Amino acid sequence: MAEEKIPSPQEIKGEVVKFTKEELESLQTFQTKSEQTILQLGRIHLSQIRLKEQENFIKSQIKELEKSEQELAQKLSDKYGKGSLDIETGTFTPIK
C-alpha cells in the first residue's frame, strides 16, 4: 500500500488548486464572524460617542442649574435677608 504524498508548496506553485467544500465553508464562516465582530465593535464605539455627547449635555445643564440656583439664592437673600427656608411649608425663618 503506497502512501499518498502531500505536495509541497514549491511543487504546486503555479498550479490551480481547488479548496474542499469544508475548507471553503470554514473560510466563509471565519470571514462572516470577523465582519460581525468588527461591526459590533463599531456599534459599541458609536454608542460611546453618543453617551459622551449626552454626558457633556447633562453637565452643561447642571452648570446652568447651579448658576440659576445661585442667582435665585442671591435674589431671595437680598429680599428677605439671611435665614433658613422650609421648602415644604414655604416658611422662612430669618437669622437674628
Protein backbone atom coordinates (compact mmCIF):
# COMPACT_ATOMS: atom_id res chain seq x y z
CA MET A 1 0.00 0.00 0.00
CA ALA A 2 1.60 3.22 -1.15
CA GLU A 3 1.19 6.36 0.90
CA GLU A 4 -0.23 9.38 -0.86
CA LYS A 5 2.32 12.17 -0.67
CA ILE A 6 1.09 15.68 0.04
CA PRO A 7 2.78 18.02 -2.41
CA SER A 8 4.86 20.86 -1.02
CA PRO A 9 4.05 24.50 -1.87
CA GLN A 10 7.01 24.54 -4.25
CA GLU A 11 5.69 21.50 -6.11
CA ILE A 12 2.25 23.00 -6.69
CA LYS A 13 3.44 26.53 -7.38
CA GLY A 14 1.63 27.87 -10.42
CA GLU A 15 -0.97 25.10 -10.43
CA VAL A 16 -4.62 25.86 -9.85
CA VAL A 17 -5.77 24.31 -6.60
CA LYS A 18 -9.36 23.92 -5.54
CA PHE A 19 -10.25 24.03 -1.85
CA THR A 20 -12.61 21.44 -0.48
CA LYS A 21 -16.19 22.35 0.36
CA GLU A 22 -15.39 22.09 4.07
CA GLU A 23 -12.35 24.37 3.72
CA LEU A 24 -14.39 26.98 1.86
CA GLU A 25 -17.17 26.79 4.46
CA SER A 26 -14.60 27.25 7.24
CA LEU A 27 -13.13 30.28 5.50
CA GLN A 28 -16.56 31.77 4.87
CA THR A 29 -17.60 31.19 8.49
CA PHE A 30 -14.40 32.86 9.68
CA GLN A 31 -14.97 35.82 7.36
CA THR A 32 -18.60 36.22 8.49
CA LYS A 33 -17.66 36.06 12.18
CA SER A 34 -14.85 38.53 11.62
CA GLU A 35 -17.16 41.01 9.86
CA GLN A 36 -19.80 40.64 12.59
CA THR A 37 -17.23 41.26 15.31
CA ILE A 38 -15.89 44.36 13.59
CA LEU A 39 -19.45 45.63 13.10
CA GLN A 40 -20.21 45.09 16.81
CA LEU A 41 -17.07 46.99 17.75
CA GLY A 42 -18.16 49.88 15.52
CA ARG A 43 -21.59 49.94 17.14
CA ILE A 44 -20.02 50.00 20.60
CA HIS A 45 -17.76 52.87 19.60
CA LEU A 46 -20.71 54.82 18.18
CA SER A 47 -22.65 54.21 21.41
CA GLN A 48 -19.69 55.52 23.41
CA ILE A 49 -19.60 58.69 21.30
CA ARG A 50 -23.33 59.24 21.81
CA LEU A 51 -23.06 58.61 25.56
CA LYS A 52 -20.20 61.11 25.81
CA GLU A 53 -22.30 63.70 23.97
CA GLN A 54 -25.21 63.08 26.37
CA GLU A 55 -22.86 63.31 29.35
CA ASN A 56 -21.50 66.65 28.14
CA PHE A 57 -25.03 67.96 27.56
CA ILE A 58 -26.14 66.94 31.05
CA LYS A 59 -23.01 68.50 32.58
CA SER A 60 -23.84 71.78 30.86
CA GLN A 61 -27.41 71.57 32.19
CA ILE A 62 -26.06 71.03 35.71
CA LYS A 63 -23.86 74.12 35.37
CA GLU A 64 -26.86 76.17 34.21
CA LEU A 65 -28.95 74.89 37.14
CA GLU A 66 -26.20 75.74 39.62
CA LYS A 67 -25.93 79.25 38.18
CA SER A 68 -29.71 79.71 38.34
CA GLU A 69 -29.75 78.41 41.92
CA GLN A 70 -27.06 80.89 42.95
CA GLU A 71 -28.91 83.75 41.27
CA LEU A 72 -32.19 82.78 42.98
CA ALA A 73 -30.50 82.38 46.36
CA GLN A 74 -28.91 85.82 45.99
CA LYS A 75 -32.24 87.40 44.94
CA LEU A 76 -34.09 85.86 47.91
CA SER A 77 -31.28 86.76 50.29
CA ASP A 78 -31.38 90.37 49.07
CA LYS A 79 -35.16 90.46 49.57
CA TYR A 80 -35.55 88.57 52.88
CA GLY A 81 -32.06 88.57 54.38
CA LYS A 82 -30.23 85.53 55.64
CA GLY A 83 -32.14 82.67 57.20
CA SER A 84 -33.49 79.23 56.57
CA LEU A 85 -36.38 78.09 54.43
CA ASP A 86 -38.64 75.09 54.95
CA ILE A 87 -39.37 74.31 51.34
CA GLU A 88 -42.28 72.03 52.28
CA THR A 89 -44.23 74.73 54.12
CA GLY A 90 -42.73 77.80 52.48
CA THR A 91 -41.83 79.19 55.90
CA PHE A 92 -38.76 81.42 56.07
CA THR A 93 -37.05 81.92 59.42
CA PRO A 94 -34.63 84.87 59.46
CA ILE A 95 -31.35 84.67 61.33
CA LYS A 96 -31.38 87.01 64.36
